[in-house]
Amino acid sequence: MSKRLILVAGNIGSGKTSLTERIGSRLDWETAFESVSDNPYLPDFYADMKTWSFHLQIFFLGHRAQQHMEMFNNQQSAIIDRSIYEDAYIFVRALQSMGNINERDYATYMQVFNLVVKNLPPPSLLIYLNAPVETLMARIHSRGREMENSISADYLSLLESYYTDWISHFDLCPVLTLRTDDLDFVHKPQHLDIVVEKIQEKLSGKEEIIF
């Protein structure tokens, strides 16, 4: 199989990081993940979202654009945990809707975002992970990350509505949708085998199966 760039998208708690790790290991692909520990804006953002939302998203925009290009230029196939497109169409949209990014900053962000993504090479495949909000909440609580304590079901539902809208219009590459509430690729090797098979089928142009 030729060089591929795969993006993994989905709501908080949908299983993006776990899938990225396991697919990378199984197929010997390069992996890339969201910047958290070295993100200089996250502590300020969680302390005062309204003041720091715009700064945080500009940081993510630069980080993801660089990550996208580095993984595209890598000789090995690569899989990235979360896409640059989700920032604009899901998270910045949500922050603007909740009043944490004003109209002026939202317009500025989208102008820069559109200039950046216009020059990015398209991915080979987008894997969209989908699960009910109650499943997402249970997973978020079970992993016990302090920064996620404020995440509510209403917020996840808002994000989910934006994901549905975004995926329905996404046409940069083929999309493989996986329902992850009954799909356990972490503890059941046979489930990971199925996912790998469906990814390879999708990349080779075969029929998509949605779990």
Protein backbone atom coordinates (compact mmCIF):
# COMPACT_ATOMS: atom_id res chain seq x y z
CA MET A 1 0.00 0.00 0.00
CA SER A 2 1.28 3.46 -0.91
CA LYS A 3 1.87 6.28 1.53
CA ARG A 4 -1.33 7.34 3.37
CA LEU A 5 -2.35 10.15 5.71
CA ILE A 6 -5.24 9.17 7.97
CA LEU A 7 -7.14 11.53 10.29
CA VAL A 8 -9.16 10.29 13.28
CA ALA A 9 -12.09 12.52 14.26
CA GLY A 10 -14.76 12.32 16.92
CA ASN A 11 -16.26 13.75 20.07
CA ILE A 12 -14.48 13.78 23.44
CA GLY A 13 -14.30 10.22 24.76
CA SER A 14 -15.08 8.54 21.43
CA GLY A 15 -11.80 6.59 21.42
CA LYS A 16 -9.58 8.60 19.05
CA THR A 17 -6.33 8.28 20.96
CA SER A 18 -6.78 4.56 21.68
CA LEU A 19 -7.55 3.83 18.04
CA THR A 20 -4.66 5.97 16.76
CA GLU A 21 -2.21 4.17 19.06
CA ARG A 22 -3.40 0.71 18.08
CA ILE A 23 -3.68 1.30 14.37
CA GLY A 24 -0.23 2.88 14.34
CA SER A 25 1.22 -0.11 16.16
CA ARG A 26 -0.62 -2.72 14.09
CA LEU A 27 0.18 -1.22 10.68
CA ASP A 28 3.56 0.32 11.58
CA TRP A 29 2.32 3.82 10.80
CA GLU A 30 3.64 7.03 12.28
CA THR A 31 1.31 8.50 14.91
CA ALA A 32 0.66 12.07 16.02
CA PHE A 33 -1.43 13.32 18.92
CA GLU A 34 -3.00 16.48 20.27
CA SER A 35 -0.68 18.85 22.11
CA VAL A 36 -1.69 18.86 25.79
CA SER A 37 1.28 18.72 28.17
CA ASP A 38 3.29 21.25 26.12
CA ASN A 39 0.36 23.54 25.38
CA PRO A 40 1.15 26.95 26.97
CA TYR A 41 -2.47 28.14 26.88
CA LEU A 42 -4.42 25.26 28.39
CA PRO A 43 -4.01 26.21 32.09
CA ASP A 44 -5.09 29.80 31.36
CA PHE A 45 -7.95 28.57 29.16
CA TYR A 46 -9.43 26.36 31.86
CA ALA A 47 -9.08 29.17 34.40
CA ASP A 48 -10.74 31.79 32.17
CA MET A 49 -12.22 30.44 28.94
CA LYS A 50 -13.65 33.73 27.70
CA THR A 51 -10.28 35.49 27.87
CA TRP A 52 -8.12 32.70 26.46
CA SER A 53 -10.31 30.79 23.95
CA PHE A 54 -9.09 32.72 20.92
CA HIS A 55 -5.42 32.39 21.93
CA LEU A 56 -5.80 28.66 22.53
CA GLN A 57 -7.43 28.03 19.17
CA ILE A 58 -4.79 30.03 17.29
CA PHE A 59 -2.16 27.86 19.01
CA PHE A 60 -4.00 24.70 18.00
CA LEU A 61 -4.35 25.95 14.43
CA GLY A 62 -0.60 26.41 14.07
CA HIS A 63 0.16 23.16 15.87
CA ARG A 64 -2.20 21.06 13.77
CA ALA A 65 -1.14 22.63 10.47
CA GLN A 66 2.50 21.85 11.26
CA GLN A 67 1.56 18.34 12.40
CA HIS A 68 -0.50 17.72 9.25
CA MET A 69 2.39 18.75 6.98
CA GLU A 70 5.01 16.81 8.94
CA MET A 71 2.95 13.62 8.81
CA PHE A 72 2.16 14.15 5.12
CA ASN A 73 5.86 14.59 4.28
CA ASN A 74 6.91 11.58 6.35
CA GLN A 75 7.90 8.63 4.17
CA GLN A 76 5.79 6.29 6.30
CA SER A 77 2.02 6.28 6.30
CA ALA A 78 0.70 8.28 9.25
CA ILE A 79 -2.39 8.53 11.43
CA ILE A 80 -3.30 11.66 13.40
CA ASP A 81 -5.44 11.85 16.54
CA ARG A 82 -7.90 14.68 15.75
CA SER A 83 -7.92 16.80 12.61
CA ILE A 84 -7.29 20.46 11.98
CA TYR A 85 -10.80 20.71 10.52
CA GLU A 86 -12.50 19.85 13.82
CA ASP A 87 -11.03 22.90 15.51
CA ALA A 88 -12.88 25.29 13.23
CA TYR A 89 -16.10 23.43 12.52
CA ILE A 90 -16.63 21.91 15.97
CA PHE A 91 -14.72 23.54 18.81
CA VAL A 92 -14.33 27.15 17.68
CA ARG A 93 -17.94 27.08 16.54
CA ALA A 94 -18.98 25.84 20.00
CA LEU A 95 -16.87 28.47 21.78
CA GLN A 96 -18.45 31.18 19.65
CA SER A 97 -21.93 29.79 20.32
CA MET A 98 -21.31 29.81 24.09
CA GLY A 99 -20.00 33.39 24.03
CA ASN A 100 -16.37 32.54 24.74
CA ILE A 101 -15.22 33.85 21.35
CA ASN A 102 -16.77 37.09 20.11
CA GLU A 103 -17.88 37.71 16.53
CA ARG A 104 -14.78 39.74 15.64
CA ASP A 105 -12.35 37.10 16.87
CA TYR A 106 -14.42 34.32 15.28
CA ALA A 107 -14.27 36.07 11.88
CA THR A 108 -10.52 36.61 12.26
CA TYR A 109 -9.95 32.97 13.21
CA MET A 110 -11.95 31.67 10.25
CA GLN A 111 -10.10 33.94 7.85
CA VAL A 112 -6.74 32.59 9.02
CA PHE A 113 -8.06 29.01 9.15
CA ASN A 114 -9.30 29.17 5.55
CA LEU A 115 -5.94 30.51 4.35
CA VAL A 116 -4.09 27.73 6.19
CA VAL A 117 -6.19 24.74 5.14
CA LYS A 118 -6.34 25.90 1.51
CA ASN A 119 -2.66 24.99 1.26
CA LEU A 120 -2.82 21.66 3.11
CA PRO A 121 -2.73 18.40 1.15
CA PRO A 122 -5.96 16.42 1.58
CA PRO A 123 -5.91 13.30 3.76
CA SER A 124 -6.33 9.81 2.32
CA LEU A 125 -9.09 8.88 4.77
CA LEU A 126 -11.05 10.37 7.66
CA ILE A 127 -12.11 7.90 10.36
CA TYR A 128 -15.08 9.30 12.25
CA LEU A 129 -15.75 7.73 15.66
CA ASN A 130 -19.29 8.11 16.92
CA ALA A 131 -20.89 7.11 20.24
CA PRO A 132 -23.95 8.20 22.26
CA VAL A 133 -23.44 11.04 24.73
CA GLU A 134 -24.13 8.79 27.73
CA THR A 135 -21.30 6.49 26.58
CA LEU A 136 -18.97 9.45 26.18
CA MET A 137 -19.82 10.74 29.67
CA ALA A 138 -19.15 7.32 31.22
CA ARG A 139 -15.75 7.10 29.52
CA ILE A 140 -14.78 10.63 30.52
CA HIS A 141 -15.64 9.92 34.16
CA SER A 142 -13.82 6.58 34.15
CA ARG A 143 -10.53 8.07 32.93
CA GLY A 144 -10.65 10.74 35.62
CA ARG A 145 -8.78 13.60 33.98
CA GLU A 146 -9.01 16.71 36.14
CA MET A 147 -9.24 19.11 33.19
CA GLU A 148 -12.34 17.23 31.96
CA ASN A 149 -14.31 17.57 35.19
CA SER A 150 -16.36 20.48 33.82
CA ILE A 151 -17.49 18.65 30.67
CA SER A 152 -21.26 18.25 30.68
CA ALA A 153 -23.68 16.13 28.69
CA ASP A 154 -25.15 19.32 27.23
CA TYR A 155 -21.72 20.37 25.94
CA LEU A 156 -21.10 16.96 24.38
CA SER A 157 -24.54 17.10 22.76
CA LEU A 158 -23.71 20.51 21.29
CA LEU A 159 -20.45 19.15 19.89
CA GLU A 160 -22.27 16.10 18.55
CA SER A 161 -24.70 18.29 16.63
CA TYR A 162 -21.77 20.12 15.04
CA TYR A 163 -20.04 16.83 14.20
CA THR A 164 -23.18 15.60 12.45
CA ASP A 165 -23.38 18.78 10.39
CA TRP A 166 -19.66 18.75 9.56
CA ILE A 167 -19.51 15.09 8.53
CA SER A 168 -22.56 15.49 6.29
CA HIS A 169 -20.66 18.13 4.27
CA PHE A 170 -17.09 16.76 4.47
CA ASP A 171 -15.81 15.87 0.99
CA LEU A 172 -12.02 16.17 1.06
CA CYS A 173 -11.55 12.41 1.19
CA PRO A 174 -13.46 9.17 1.89
CA VAL A 175 -14.98 8.84 5.37
CA LEU A 176 -15.16 5.63 7.42
CA THR A 177 -17.70 5.96 10.24
CA LEU A 178 -17.33 3.64 13.25
CA ARG A 179 -19.88 3.39 16.06
CA THR A 180 -17.68 2.82 19.11
CA ASP A 181 -20.23 2.22 21.87
CA ASP A 182 -20.25 -1.52 21.07
CA LEU A 183 -16.82 -1.61 19.47
CA ASP A 184 -13.99 -2.44 21.91
CA PHE A 185 -10.74 -2.36 19.97
CA VAL A 186 -8.81 -1.85 23.22
CA HIS A 187 -9.70 -5.13 24.95
CA LYS A 188 -10.95 -7.29 22.08
CA PRO A 189 -8.31 -8.05 19.42
CA GLN A 190 -11.00 -9.36 17.07
CA HIS A 191 -12.65 -5.93 17.07
CA LEU A 192 -9.33 -4.29 16.17
CA ASP A 193 -8.95 -6.85 13.37
CA ILE A 194 -12.32 -5.78 11.97
CA VAL A 195 -11.40 -2.08 12.12
CA VAL A 196 -8.06 -2.68 10.38
CA GLU A 197 -9.83 -4.68 7.68
CA LYS A 198 -12.40 -1.92 7.11
CA ILE A 199 -9.69 0.75 6.95
CA GLN A 200 -7.76 -1.22 4.35
CA GLU A 201 -10.94 -1.86 2.36
CA LYS A 202 -11.86 1.81 2.43
CA LEU A 203 -8.37 2.85 1.32
CA SER A 204 -8.53 0.39 -1.56
CA GLY A 205 -11.93 1.70 -2.65
CA LYS A 206 -14.11 -1.14 -1.40
CA GLU A 207 -17.53 -0.84 0.25
CA GLU A 208 -17.87 0.94 3.62
CA ILE A 209 -19.44 -0.79 6.59
CA ILE A 210 -20.73 1.33 9.50
CA PHE A 211 -20.73 -0.34 12.91
